[in-house]
Amino acid sequence: MPSTVQLSSLLESGEHLVTDGALATELEARGCNLDDPLWSAKVLVENPHLIRDVHRDYFSAGARIATTASYQATPQGFARRGMGGQDALELVALSVRLADEARRAHLAATPGAGALLIAGSVGPYGAYLADGSEYRGDYTLRKEEFMDFHRPRVAALVAAGADFLACETLPSFAEAEALAALMDEFGAESWFSFSLRDGAHISDGTPLTAVAGLLDANPLVAAIGVNCVPLHLVTPALAALQSATAKPLVAYPNSGETYDPVTKTWGPTTAPGEGNRDAYPVDPAAGVATWLDHDARIIGGCCRTAPADIAAVGQALAAQRLI
């Protein structure tokens, strides 16, 4: 059952929200092997209770938003495993139910937790390709093809009761246009967050100011931002977005490491030409004060972050007297 409170209402009331961190990282810590094109979506088939447990841990750490395990859960992806379309969509719906079960359990134990929201994760077409394309944006489909790809999952997430949709790690302006049209089609509230080429451009080279221009007038887009990006790119990206939109901004970067999609490993980030490395945040919590200055209203973590990181983000917001 969806929350009675909308994301946009919370933001319009002036709230600052902590969102969750990495799902896959925590599932791997629980023994799941995610070396698979379905990534964390395979756990919907094999060990769904572990997903519920991770959501519960993030709520316990102070997250107000749980992001569903549907980032790579598409009928097309499950079809590669011999699964029919209806069965695949039932798994997408299951991702919402698991987050809702965690929410109910947390609220039962912590009645004063406030409004908790479920974000239905809509990963990009590049995530389905499972080759790192969501960090390059080097794929081309027509608008109708993008919409046809995303529509079944969007419909399943909405029908299952997700409070809003997180269209995330988007590397492509054309794909963002198609997803914005789908949000209109379904009347679904959303946030849009992008992967980056640098601090001023999304992965396909489109300026962040153009992305903001696309989404700024859409009343169904509650927030715009970046996710799964290196920590040193968050501040310049937020500054670019801030210059082009009055919407609240969202930031949930990775841990500060860099992902190699070829070897599927993480390593230290280098930031050539980005100035003094000592000035960069070392984790998401360390960036909170600066990101707040650039209108960030929703802050959390992405790959390689954990409940402890989200708790630290909450503590940083509390230190600013914002939660």
C-alpha atoms as a PDB file:
ATOM      1  CA  MET A   1       0.000   0.000   0.000  1.00  0.00           C
ATOM      2  CA  PRO A   2       1.475   3.378  -0.965  1.00  0.00           C
ATOM      3  CA  SER A   3       2.158   6.054   1.604  1.00  0.00           C
ATOM      4  CA  THR A   4      -0.468   8.729   2.111  1.00  0.00           C
ATOM      5  CA  VAL A   5       2.285  11.339   1.720  1.00  0.00           C
ATOM      6  CA  GLN A   6       3.801  12.336  -1.614  1.00  0.00           C
ATOM      7  CA  LEU A   7       7.495  13.027  -2.135  1.00  0.00           C
ATOM      8  CA  SER A   8       6.675  16.431  -3.593  1.00  0.00           C
ATOM      9  CA  SER A   9       4.579  17.298  -0.538  1.00  0.00           C
ATOM     10  CA  LEU A  10       7.450  16.501   1.816  1.00  0.00           C
ATOM     11  CA  LEU A  11       9.847  18.585  -0.248  1.00  0.00           C
ATOM     12  CA  GLU A  12       7.420  21.487  -0.571  1.00  0.00           C
ATOM     13  CA  SER A  13       7.028  21.490   3.209  1.00  0.00           C
ATOM     14  CA  GLY A  14      10.774  22.105   3.507  1.00  0.00           C
ATOM     15  CA  GLU A  15      11.893  18.643   4.593  1.00  0.00           C
ATOM     16  CA  HIS A  16      15.337  17.239   3.890  1.00  0.00           C
ATOM     17  CA  LEU A  17      15.298  13.499   3.315  1.00  0.00           C
ATOM     18  CA  VAL A  18      17.854  10.749   3.731  1.00  0.00           C
ATOM     19  CA  THR A  19      17.577   8.077   1.076  1.00  0.00           C
ATOM     20  CA  ASP A  20      19.113   4.628   1.267  1.00  0.00           C
ATOM     21  CA  GLY A  21      22.446   3.276   0.065  1.00  0.00           C
ATOM     22  CA  ALA A  22      23.640   0.360  -2.033  1.00  0.00           C
ATOM     23  CA  LEU A  23      21.413  -2.699  -2.230  1.00  0.00           C
ATOM     24  CA  ALA A  24      23.830  -4.944  -4.130  1.00  0.00           C
ATOM     25  CA  THR A  25      26.721  -4.244  -1.752  1.00  0.00           C
ATOM     26  CA  GLU A  26      24.649  -5.359   1.211  1.00  0.00           C
ATOM     27  CA  LEU A  27      23.322  -8.426  -0.605  1.00  0.00           C
ATOM     28  CA  GLU A  28      26.879  -9.456  -1.437  1.00  0.00           C
ATOM     29  CA  ALA A  29      27.773  -9.022   2.230  1.00  0.00           C
ATOM     30  CA  ARG A  30      25.015 -11.524   2.956  1.00  0.00           C
ATOM     31  CA  GLY A  31      26.585 -14.087   0.612  1.00  0.00           C
ATOM     32  CA  CYS A  32      24.754 -13.375  -2.660  1.00  0.00           C
ATOM     33  CA  ASN A  33      26.716 -13.872  -5.872  1.00  0.00           C
ATOM     34  CA  LEU A  34      25.715 -10.968  -8.125  1.00  0.00           C
ATOM     35  CA  ASP A  35      28.103 -11.697 -10.989  1.00  0.00           C
ATOM     36  CA  ASP A  36      25.118 -11.954 -13.283  1.00  0.00           C
ATOM     37  CA  PRO A  37      23.429  -9.761 -15.928  1.00  0.00           C
ATOM     38  CA  LEU A  38      20.402  -9.503 -13.622  1.00  0.00           C
ATOM     39  CA  TRP A  39      22.603  -8.162 -10.791  1.00  0.00           C
ATOM     40  CA  SER A  40      20.549  -7.643  -7.619  1.00  0.00           C
ATOM     41  CA  ALA A  41      17.337  -8.567  -9.473  1.00  0.00           C
ATOM     42  CA  LYS A  42      18.399 -12.227  -9.383  1.00  0.00           C
ATOM     43  CA  VAL A  43      17.917 -12.160  -5.610  1.00  0.00           C
ATOM     44  CA  LEU A  44      14.205 -11.517  -6.224  1.00  0.00           C
ATOM     45  CA  VAL A  45      14.158 -15.074  -7.554  1.00  0.00           C
ATOM     46  CA  GLU A  46      16.623 -16.754  -5.198  1.00  0.00           C
ATOM     47  CA  ASN A  47      16.469 -15.073  -1.764  1.00  0.00           C
ATOM     48  CA  PRO A  48      13.842 -12.315  -1.676  1.00  0.00           C
ATOM     49  CA  HIS A  49      13.813 -12.191   2.133  1.00  0.00           C
ATOM     50  CA  LEU A  50      17.369 -10.841   2.036  1.00  0.00           C
ATOM     51  CA  ILE A  51      16.174  -7.823   0.070  1.00  0.00           C
ATOM     52  CA  ARG A  52      13.556  -7.116   2.727  1.00  0.00           C
ATOM     53  CA  ASP A  53      16.258  -7.391   5.393  1.00  0.00           C
ATOM     54  CA  VAL A  54      18.469  -4.850   3.620  1.00  0.00           C
ATOM     55  CA  HIS A  55      15.589  -2.389   3.315  1.00  0.00           C
ATOM     56  CA  ARG A  56      14.909  -2.812   7.028  1.00  0.00           C
ATOM     57  CA  ASP A  57      18.566  -2.128   7.852  1.00  0.00           C
ATOM     58  CA  TYR A  58      18.507   1.114   5.869  1.00  0.00           C
ATOM     59  CA  PHE A  59      15.312   2.253   7.585  1.00  0.00           C
ATOM     60  CA  SER A  60      16.960   1.461  10.922  1.00  0.00           C
ATOM     61  CA  ALA A  61      19.951   3.577   9.860  1.00  0.00           C
ATOM     62  CA  GLY A  62      17.678   6.563   9.313  1.00  0.00           C
ATOM     63  CA  ALA A  63      16.711   6.342   5.642  1.00  0.00           C
ATOM     64  CA  ARG A  64      13.279   7.737   4.832  1.00  0.00           C
ATOM     65  CA  ILE A  65      13.255   6.229   1.324  1.00  0.00           C
ATOM     66  CA  ALA A  66      13.713   2.601   0.255  1.00  0.00           C
ATOM     67  CA  THR A  67      14.630   2.002  -3.386  1.00  0.00           C
ATOM     68  CA  THR A  68      13.239  -1.216  -4.832  1.00  0.00           C
ATOM     69  CA  ALA A  69      15.323  -4.061  -6.264  1.00  0.00           C
ATOM     70  CA  SER A  70      13.988  -3.395  -9.760  1.00  0.00           C
ATOM     71  CA  TYR A  71      16.912  -1.498 -11.290  1.00  0.00           C
ATOM     72  CA  GLN A  72      17.684  -4.393 -13.643  1.00  0.00           C
ATOM     73  CA  ALA A  73      14.377  -6.222 -13.262  1.00  0.00           C
ATOM     74  CA  THR A  74      12.888  -6.107 -16.737  1.00  0.00           C
ATOM     75  CA  PRO A  75      10.862  -8.640 -18.714  1.00  0.00           C
ATOM     76  CA  GLN A  76      13.588  -8.567 -21.358  1.00  0.00           C
ATOM     77  CA  GLY A  77      16.278  -9.386 -18.815  1.00  0.00           C
ATOM     78  CA  PHE A  78      14.311 -12.187 -17.179  1.00  0.00           C
ATOM     79  CA  ALA A  79      13.445 -13.600 -20.626  1.00  0.00           C
ATOM     80  CA  ARG A  80      17.126 -14.450 -21.044  1.00  0.00           C
ATOM     81  CA  ARG A  81      16.604 -16.838 -18.136  1.00  0.00           C
ATOM     82  CA  GLY A  82      13.609 -18.464 -19.785  1.00  0.00           C
ATOM     83  CA  MET A  83      11.042 -16.588 -17.696  1.00  0.00           C
ATOM     84  CA  GLY A  84       7.754 -15.414 -19.168  1.00  0.00           C
ATOM     85  CA  GLY A  85       6.698 -11.783 -19.172  1.00  0.00           C
ATOM     86  CA  GLN A  86       3.978 -12.105 -16.547  1.00  0.00           C
ATOM     87  CA  ASP A  87       6.280 -13.961 -14.164  1.00  0.00           C
ATOM     88  CA  ALA A  88       8.883 -11.227 -14.635  1.00  0.00           C
ATOM     89  CA  LEU A  89       6.383  -8.487 -13.849  1.00  0.00           C
ATOM     90  CA  GLU A  90       5.284 -10.337 -10.738  1.00  0.00           C
ATOM     91  CA  LEU A  91       8.888 -10.139  -9.566  1.00  0.00           C
ATOM     92  CA  VAL A  92       8.896  -6.396 -10.228  1.00  0.00           C
ATOM     93  CA  ALA A  93       5.776  -6.130  -8.076  1.00  0.00           C
ATOM     94  CA  LEU A  94       7.470  -8.300  -5.446  1.00  0.00           C
ATOM     95  CA  SER A  95      10.268  -5.729  -5.202  1.00  0.00           C
ATOM     96  CA  VAL A  96       7.693  -3.174  -4.044  1.00  0.00           C
ATOM     97  CA  ARG A  97       6.056  -5.563  -1.578  1.00  0.00           C
ATOM     98  CA  LEU A  98       9.400  -6.394   0.020  1.00  0.00           C
ATOM     99  CA  ALA A  99      10.143  -2.711   0.584  1.00  0.00           C
ATOM    100  CA  ASP A 100       6.643  -2.218   1.983  1.00  0.00           C
ATOM    101  CA  GLU A 101       7.059  -5.165   4.365  1.00  0.00           C
ATOM    102  CA  ALA A 102      10.288  -3.605   5.626  1.00  0.00           C
ATOM    103  CA  ARG A 103       8.553  -0.244   6.025  1.00  0.00           C
ATOM    104  CA  ARG A 104       5.679  -1.763   7.992  1.00  0.00           C
ATOM    105  CA  ALA A 105       8.039  -3.669  10.253  1.00  0.00           C
ATOM    106  CA  HIS A 106      10.139  -0.583  10.912  1.00  0.00           C
ATOM    107  CA  LEU A 107       7.120   1.607  11.640  1.00  0.00           C
ATOM    108  CA  ALA A 108       5.745  -1.020  14.011  1.00  0.00           C
ATOM    109  CA  ALA A 109       9.028  -0.973  15.928  1.00  0.00           C
ATOM    110  CA  THR A 110       9.645   2.778  15.558  1.00  0.00           C
ATOM    111  CA  PRO A 111       6.294   4.589  15.404  1.00  0.00           C
ATOM    112  CA  GLY A 112       7.933   8.010  15.405  1.00  0.00           C
ATOM    113  CA  ALA A 113       9.987   7.391  12.268  1.00  0.00           C
ATOM    114  CA  GLY A 114       7.854   9.753  10.189  1.00  0.00           C
ATOM    115  CA  ALA A 115       6.702   9.234   6.627  1.00  0.00           C
ATOM    116  CA  LEU A 116       8.663   6.520   4.845  1.00  0.00           C
ATOM    117  CA  LEU A 117       8.512   6.275   1.065  1.00  0.00           C
ATOM    118  CA  ILE A 118       9.143   3.539  -1.484  1.00  0.00           C
ATOM    119  CA  ALA A 119      10.941   4.549  -4.669  1.00  0.00           C
ATOM    120  CA  GLY A 120      10.335   2.200  -7.584  1.00  0.00           C
ATOM    121  CA  SER A 121      13.737   1.933  -9.260  1.00  0.00           C
ATOM    122  CA  VAL A 122      13.720   2.374 -13.034  1.00  0.00           C
ATOM    123  CA  GLY A 123      17.224   1.725 -14.315  1.00  0.00           C
ATOM    124  CA  PRO A 124      18.233   2.748 -17.843  1.00  0.00           C
ATOM    125  CA  TYR A 125      18.303   0.593 -20.946  1.00  0.00           C
ATOM    126  CA  GLY A 126      22.065   0.459 -20.457  1.00  0.00           C
ATOM    127  CA  ALA A 127      21.574  -1.482 -17.211  1.00  0.00           C
ATOM    128  CA  TYR A 128      19.709  -4.185 -19.143  1.00  0.00           C
ATOM    129  CA  LEU A 129      22.688  -4.420 -21.514  1.00  0.00           C
ATOM    130  CA  ALA A 130      24.847  -5.175 -18.442  1.00  0.00           C
ATOM    131  CA  ASP A 131      28.009  -3.849 -20.084  1.00  0.00           C
ATOM    132  CA  GLY A 132      28.511  -0.556 -18.256  1.00  0.00           C
ATOM    133  CA  SER A 133      26.490   1.409 -20.815  1.00  0.00           C
ATOM    134  CA  GLU A 134      24.706   3.334 -18.067  1.00  0.00           C
ATOM    135  CA  TYR A 135      28.023   5.117 -17.507  1.00  0.00           C
ATOM    136  CA  ARG A 136      28.571   5.859 -21.220  1.00  0.00           C
ATOM    137  CA  GLY A 137      25.177   6.397 -22.813  1.00  0.00           C
ATOM    138  CA  ASP A 138      26.491   5.060 -26.117  1.00  0.00           C
ATOM    139  CA  TYR A 139      23.286   3.340 -27.217  1.00  0.00           C
ATOM    140  CA  THR A 140      20.609   4.727 -29.508  1.00  0.00           C
ATOM    141  CA  LEU A 141      16.924   3.876 -29.625  1.00  0.00           C
ATOM    142  CA  ARG A 142      13.949   5.802 -30.925  1.00  0.00           C
ATOM    143  CA  LYS A 143      11.720   7.451 -28.346  1.00  0.00           C
ATOM    144  CA  GLU A 144       8.998   4.866 -28.932  1.00  0.00           C
ATOM    145  CA  GLU A 145      11.506   2.037 -28.457  1.00  0.00           C
ATOM    146  CA  PHE A 146      12.674   3.458 -25.139  1.00  0.00           C
ATOM    147  CA  MET A 147       9.070   3.841 -24.020  1.00  0.00           C
ATOM    148  CA  ASP A 148       8.164   0.304 -25.092  1.00  0.00           C
ATOM    149  CA  PHE A 149      11.163  -1.047 -23.172  1.00  0.00           C
ATOM    150  CA  HIS A 150      10.362   0.778 -19.939  1.00  0.00           C
ATOM    151  CA  ARG A 151       6.541   0.720 -20.020  1.00  0.00           C
ATOM    152  CA  PRO A 152       5.884  -2.792 -18.588  1.00  0.00           C
ATOM    153  CA  ARG A 153       8.143  -2.255 -15.575  1.00  0.00           C
ATOM    154  CA  VAL A 154       6.784   1.243 -14.937  1.00  0.00           C
ATOM    155  CA  ALA A 155       3.243  -0.106 -15.076  1.00  0.00           C
ATOM    156  CA  ALA A 156       4.091  -2.932 -12.662  1.00  0.00           C
ATOM    157  CA  LEU A 157       5.781  -0.596 -10.165  1.00  0.00           C
ATOM    158  CA  VAL A 158       2.865   1.839 -10.231  1.00  0.00           C
ATOM    159  CA  ALA A 159       0.278  -0.939  -9.897  1.00  0.00           C
ATOM    160  CA  ALA A 160       2.195  -2.487  -6.995  1.00  0.00           C
ATOM    161  CA  GLY A 161       1.993   0.765  -5.044  1.00  0.00           C
ATOM    162  CA  ALA A 162       5.409   2.419  -5.305  1.00  0.00           C
ATOM    163  CA  ASP A 163       5.104   5.930  -3.886  1.00  0.00           C
ATOM    164  CA  PHE A 164       7.126   7.394  -6.729  1.00  0.00           C
ATOM    165  CA  LEU A 165       9.566   6.238  -9.380  1.00  0.00           C
ATOM    166  CA  ALA A 166      13.316   6.793  -9.251  1.00  0.00           C
ATOM    167  CA  CYS A 167      14.454   7.067 -12.859  1.00  0.00           C
ATOM    168  CA  GLU A 168      18.112   6.660 -12.024  1.00  0.00           C
ATOM    169  CA  THR A 169      21.647   6.401 -13.384  1.00  0.00           C
ATOM    170  CA  LEU A 170      20.364   7.813 -16.664  1.00  0.00           C
ATOM    171  CA  PRO A 171      23.175   8.462 -19.150  1.00  0.00           C
ATOM    172  CA  SER A 172      21.073   9.557 -22.118  1.00  0.00           C
ATOM    173  CA  PHE A 173      19.096  12.706 -22.840  1.00  0.00           C
ATOM    174  CA  ALA A 174      16.921  10.856 -25.355  1.00  0.00           C
ATOM    175  CA  GLU A 175      16.104   8.204 -22.768  1.00  0.00           C
ATOM    176  CA  ALA A 176      15.242  10.884 -20.203  1.00  0.00           C
ATOM    177  CA  GLU A 177      12.837  12.436 -22.716  1.00  0.00           C
ATOM    178  CA  ALA A 178      11.155   9.062 -23.220  1.00  0.00           C
ATOM    179  CA  LEU A 179      10.903   8.378 -19.489  1.00  0.00           C
ATOM    180  CA  ALA A 180       9.449  11.830 -18.838  1.00  0.00           C
ATOM    181  CA  ALA A 181       6.770  11.036 -21.425  1.00  0.00           C
ATOM    182  CA  LEU A 182       6.066   7.744 -19.626  1.00  0.00           C
ATOM    183  CA  MET A 183       5.718   9.509 -16.286  1.00  0.00           C
ATOM    184  CA  ASP A 184       3.104  11.721 -17.939  1.00  0.00           C
ATOM    185  CA  GLU A 185       1.390   8.662 -19.410  1.00  0.00           C
ATOM    186  CA  PHE A 186       1.055   7.024 -16.002  1.00  0.00           C
ATOM    187  CA  GLY A 187       0.654  10.194 -13.938  1.00  0.00           C
ATOM    188  CA  ALA A 188       3.572   8.959 -11.834  1.00  0.00           C
ATOM    189  CA  GLU A 189       5.569  11.221  -9.558  1.00  0.00           C
ATOM    190  CA  SER A 190       9.312  10.730  -9.978  1.00  0.00           C
ATOM    191  CA  TRP A 191      12.811  11.908  -9.531  1.00  0.00           C
ATOM    192  CA  PHE A 192      15.365  11.825 -12.338  1.00  0.00           C
ATOM    193  CA  SER A 193      19.036  11.262 -11.542  1.00  0.00           C
ATOM    194  CA  PHE A 194      21.897  10.956 -13.985  1.00  0.00           C
ATOM    195  CA  SER A 195      25.316   9.435 -14.437  1.00  0.00           C
ATOM    196  CA  LEU A 196      28.032  11.871 -15.468  1.00  0.00           C
ATOM    197  CA  ARG A 197      30.816  12.360 -17.976  1.00  0.00           C
ATOM    198  CA  ASP A 198      32.122  15.281 -15.916  1.00  0.00           C
ATOM    199  CA  GLY A 199      30.784  17.885 -13.533  1.00  0.00           C
ATOM    200  CA  ALA A 200      28.825  19.675 -16.250  1.00  0.00           C
ATOM    201  CA  HIS A 201      27.605  16.890 -18.557  1.00  0.00           C
ATOM    202  CA  ILE A 202      25.704  13.634 -18.294  1.00  0.00           C
ATOM    203  CA  SER A 203      27.340  10.532 -19.720  1.00  0.00           C
ATOM    204  CA  ASP A 204      26.247  11.044 -23.339  1.00  0.00           C
ATOM    205  CA  GLY A 205      27.694  14.574 -23.304  1.00  0.00           C
ATOM    206  CA  THR A 206      24.446  16.511 -22.859  1.00  0.00           C
ATOM    207  CA  PRO A 207      24.909  19.547 -20.591  1.00  0.00           C
ATOM    208  CA  LEU A 208      23.257  19.215 -17.206  1.00  0.00           C
ATOM    209  CA  THR A 209      21.634  22.577 -17.828  1.00  0.00           C
ATOM    210  CA  ALA A 210      19.830  21.087 -20.845  1.00  0.00           C
ATOM    211  CA  VAL A 211      18.660  18.150 -18.735  1.00  0.00           C
ATOM    212  CA  ALA A 212      17.316  20.562 -16.135  1.00  0.00           C
ATOM    213  CA  GLY A 213      15.585  22.507 -18.882  1.00  0.00           C
ATOM    214  CA  LEU A 214      13.849  19.343 -20.082  1.00  0.00           C
ATOM    215  CA  LEU A 215      12.462  18.482 -16.640  1.00  0.00           C
ATOM    216  CA  ASP A 216      12.066  21.827 -14.884  1.00  0.00           C
ATOM    217  CA  ALA A 217       8.491  22.534 -15.981  1.00  0.00           C
ATOM    218  CA  ASN A 218       7.198  18.990 -15.428  1.00  0.00           C
ATOM    219  CA  PRO A 219       5.064  18.945 -12.257  1.00  0.00           C
ATOM    220  CA  LEU A 220       5.456  15.164 -11.921  1.00  0.00           C
ATOM    221  CA  VAL A 221       9.247  15.472 -11.508  1.00  0.00           C
ATOM    222  CA  ALA A 222       9.741  16.137  -7.802  1.00  0.00           C
ATOM    223  CA  ALA A 223      13.541  16.348  -7.878  1.00  0.00           C
ATOM    224  CA  ILE A 224      16.500  16.197 -10.256  1.00  0.00           C
ATOM    225  CA  GLY A 225      20.042  15.085  -9.523  1.00  0.00           C
ATOM    226  CA  VAL A 226      22.894  12.654  -9.848  1.00  0.00           C
ATOM    227  CA  ASN A 227      23.653   9.166  -8.594  1.00  0.00           C
ATOM    228  CA  CYS A 228      26.378   6.547  -8.759  1.00  0.00           C
ATOM    229  CA  VAL A 229      28.936   9.228  -9.550  1.00  0.00           C
ATOM    230  CA  PRO A 230      32.324   9.893  -7.948  1.00  0.00           C
ATOM    231  CA  LEU A 231      32.194  12.151  -4.926  1.00  0.00           C
ATOM    232  CA  HIS A 232      34.294  14.885  -6.518  1.00  0.00           C
ATOM    233  CA  LEU A 233      31.718  15.397  -9.295  1.00  0.00           C
ATOM    234  CA  VAL A 234      28.709  15.942  -7.046  1.00  0.00           C
ATOM    235  CA  THR A 235      29.313  19.579  -6.134  1.00  0.00           C
ATOM    236  CA  PRO A 236      29.952  20.875  -9.674  1.00  0.00           C
ATOM    237  CA  ALA A 237      27.015  18.853 -10.980  1.00  0.00           C
ATOM    238  CA  LEU A 238      24.654  20.252  -8.358  1.00  0.00           C
ATOM    239  CA  ALA A 239      25.917  23.747  -9.088  1.00  0.00           C
ATOM    240  CA  ALA A 240      25.149  23.270 -12.783  1.00  0.00           C
ATOM    241  CA  LEU A 241      21.657  21.991 -12.030  1.00  0.00           C
ATOM    242  CA  GLN A 242      21.044  24.729  -9.463  1.00  0.00           C
ATOM    243  CA  SER A 243      21.731  27.336 -12.131  1.00  0.00           C
ATOM    244  CA  ALA A 244      19.024  25.909 -14.395  1.00  0.00           C
ATOM    245  CA  THR A 245      16.174  24.722 -12.160  1.00  0.00           C
ATOM    246  CA  ALA A 246      14.364  25.688  -9.005  1.00  0.00           C
ATOM    247  CA  LYS A 247      13.445  22.071  -8.278  1.00  0.00           C
ATOM    248  CA  PRO A 248      14.915  20.324  -5.228  1.00  0.00           C
ATOM    249  CA  LEU A 249      18.054  18.376  -6.016  1.00  0.00           C
ATOM    250  CA  VAL A 250      18.960  14.801  -5.168  1.00  0.00           C
ATOM    251  CA  ALA A 251      22.460  13.364  -4.730  1.00  0.00           C
ATOM    252  CA  TYR A 252      23.402   9.803  -3.928  1.00  0.00           C
ATOM    253  CA  PRO A 253      26.955   9.199  -5.104  1.00  0.00           C
ATOM    254  CA  ASN A 254      28.966   6.030  -4.821  1.00  0.00           C
ATOM    255  CA  SER A 255      31.567   5.489  -2.121  1.00  0.00           C
ATOM    256  CA  GLY A 256      34.264   7.425  -3.934  1.00  0.00           C
ATOM    257  CA  GLU A 257      35.665   4.447  -5.799  1.00  0.00           C
ATOM    258  CA  THR A 258      35.542   3.942  -9.574  1.00  0.00           C
ATOM    259  CA  TYR A 259      33.842   0.984 -11.257  1.00  0.00           C
ATOM    260  CA  ASP A 260      35.516  -0.811 -14.161  1.00  0.00           C
ATOM    261  CA  PRO A 261      32.692  -2.428 -16.194  1.00  0.00           C
ATOM    262  CA  VAL A 262      35.173  -4.641 -18.048  1.00  0.00           C
ATOM    263  CA  THR A 263      36.699  -6.297 -14.991  1.00  0.00           C
ATOM    264  CA  LYS A 264      33.589  -5.623 -12.852  1.00  0.00           C
ATOM    265  CA  THR A 265      35.790  -4.388 -10.028  1.00  0.00           C
ATOM    266  CA  TRP A 266      36.104  -1.202  -7.987  1.00  0.00           C
ATOM    267  CA  GLY A 267      39.290   0.771  -7.504  1.00  0.00           C
ATOM    268  CA  PRO A 268      40.531   4.124  -6.197  1.00  0.00           C
ATOM    269  CA  THR A 269      39.185   7.210  -7.929  1.00  0.00           C
ATOM    270  CA  THR A 270      41.530   9.633  -9.582  1.00  0.00           C
ATOM    271  CA  ALA A 271      40.285  13.100 -10.427  1.00  0.00           C
ATOM    272  CA  PRO A 272      42.583  14.600 -13.052  1.00  0.00           C
ATOM    273  CA  GLY A 273      42.165  18.311 -13.541  1.00  0.00           C
ATOM    274  CA  GLU A 274      39.721  18.619 -10.668  1.00  0.00           C
ATOM    275  CA  GLY A 275      41.918  20.662  -8.344  1.00  0.00           C
ATOM    276  CA  ASN A 276      42.974  19.862  -4.815  1.00  0.00           C
ATOM    277  CA  ARG A 277      42.076  16.272  -3.905  1.00  0.00           C
ATOM    278  CA  ASP A 278      42.215  17.180  -0.221  1.00  0.00           C
ATOM    279  CA  ALA A 279      39.112  19.345  -0.732  1.00  0.00           C
ATOM    280  CA  TYR A 280      36.951  16.446  -1.928  1.00  0.00           C
ATOM    281  CA  PRO A 281      34.573  14.555   0.341  1.00  0.00           C
ATOM    282  CA  VAL A 282      35.875  11.166   1.436  1.00  0.00           C
ATOM    283  CA  ASP A 283      32.360   9.753   1.843  1.00  0.00           C
ATOM    284  CA  PRO A 284      28.786  10.965   1.229  1.00  0.00           C
ATOM    285  CA  ALA A 285      28.383  12.336   4.761  1.00  0.00           C
ATOM    286  CA  ALA A 286      31.437  14.546   4.339  1.00  0.00           C
ATOM    287  CA  GLY A 287      29.815  16.264   1.363  1.00  0.00           C
ATOM    288  CA  VAL A 288      26.498  17.033   3.030  1.00  0.00           C
ATOM    289  CA  ALA A 289      27.206  20.598   4.169  1.00  0.00           C
ATOM    290  CA  THR A 290      28.468  21.649   0.735  1.00  0.00           C
ATOM    291  CA  TRP A 291      25.687  19.891  -1.155  1.00  0.00           C
ATOM    292  CA  LEU A 292      23.072  21.587   1.005  1.00  0.00           C
ATOM    293  CA  ASP A 293      24.444  24.910  -0.202  1.00  0.00           C
ATOM    294  CA  HIS A 294      23.575  23.765  -3.733  1.00  0.00           C
ATOM    295  CA  ASP A 295      19.927  22.926  -2.970  1.00  0.00           C
ATOM    296  CA  ALA A 296      20.385  19.196  -2.310  1.00  0.00           C
ATOM    297  CA  ARG A 297      17.288  18.123  -0.410  1.00  0.00           C
ATOM    298  CA  ILE A 298      17.592  14.341  -0.770  1.00  0.00           C
ATOM    299  CA  ILE A 299      20.958  12.780   0.056  1.00  0.00           C
ATOM    300  CA  GLY A 300      22.083   9.175   0.321  1.00  0.00           C
ATOM    301  CA  GLY A 301      24.482   6.719  -1.240  1.00  0.00           C
ATOM    302  CA  CYS A 302      24.801   4.397  -4.197  1.00  0.00           C
ATOM    303  CA  CYS A 303      27.264   1.600  -4.989  1.00  0.00           C
ATOM    304  CA  ARG A 304      29.644   0.513  -2.221  1.00  0.00           C
ATOM    305  CA  THR A 305      27.844   2.472   0.484  1.00  0.00           C
ATOM    306  CA  ALA A 306      26.272   0.775   3.498  1.00  0.00           C
ATOM    307  CA  PRO A 307      23.822   1.484   6.346  1.00  0.00           C
ATOM    308  CA  ALA A 308      26.643   3.021   8.384  1.00  0.00           C
ATOM    309  CA  ASP A 309      27.199   5.586   5.613  1.00  0.00           C
ATOM    310  CA  ILE A 310      23.502   6.427   5.550  1.00  0.00           C
ATOM    311  CA  ALA A 311      23.460   6.823   9.326  1.00  0.00           C
ATOM    312  CA  ALA A 312      26.379   9.240   8.953  1.00  0.00           C
ATOM    313  CA  VAL A 313      24.475  11.233   6.320  1.00  0.00           C
ATOM    314  CA  GLY A 314      21.591  11.513   8.761  1.00  0.00           C
ATOM    315  CA  GLN A 315      23.929  12.671  11.503  1.00  0.00           C
ATOM    316  CA  ALA A 316      25.387  15.307   9.167  1.00  0.00           C
ATOM    317  CA  LEU A 317      21.884  16.601   8.375  1.00  0.00           C
ATOM    318  CA  ALA A 318      21.014  16.569  12.077  1.00  0.00           C
ATOM    319  CA  ALA A 319      24.121  18.636  12.782  1.00  0.00           C
ATOM    320  CA  GLN A 320      22.683  21.245  10.416  1.00  0.00           C
ATOM    321  CA  ARG A 321      19.375  21.048  12.338  1.00  0.00           C
ATOM    322  CA  LEU A 322      17.591  19.848   9.198  1.00  0.00           C
ATOM    323  CA  ILE A 323      16.161  16.566  10.475  1.00  0.00           C
END
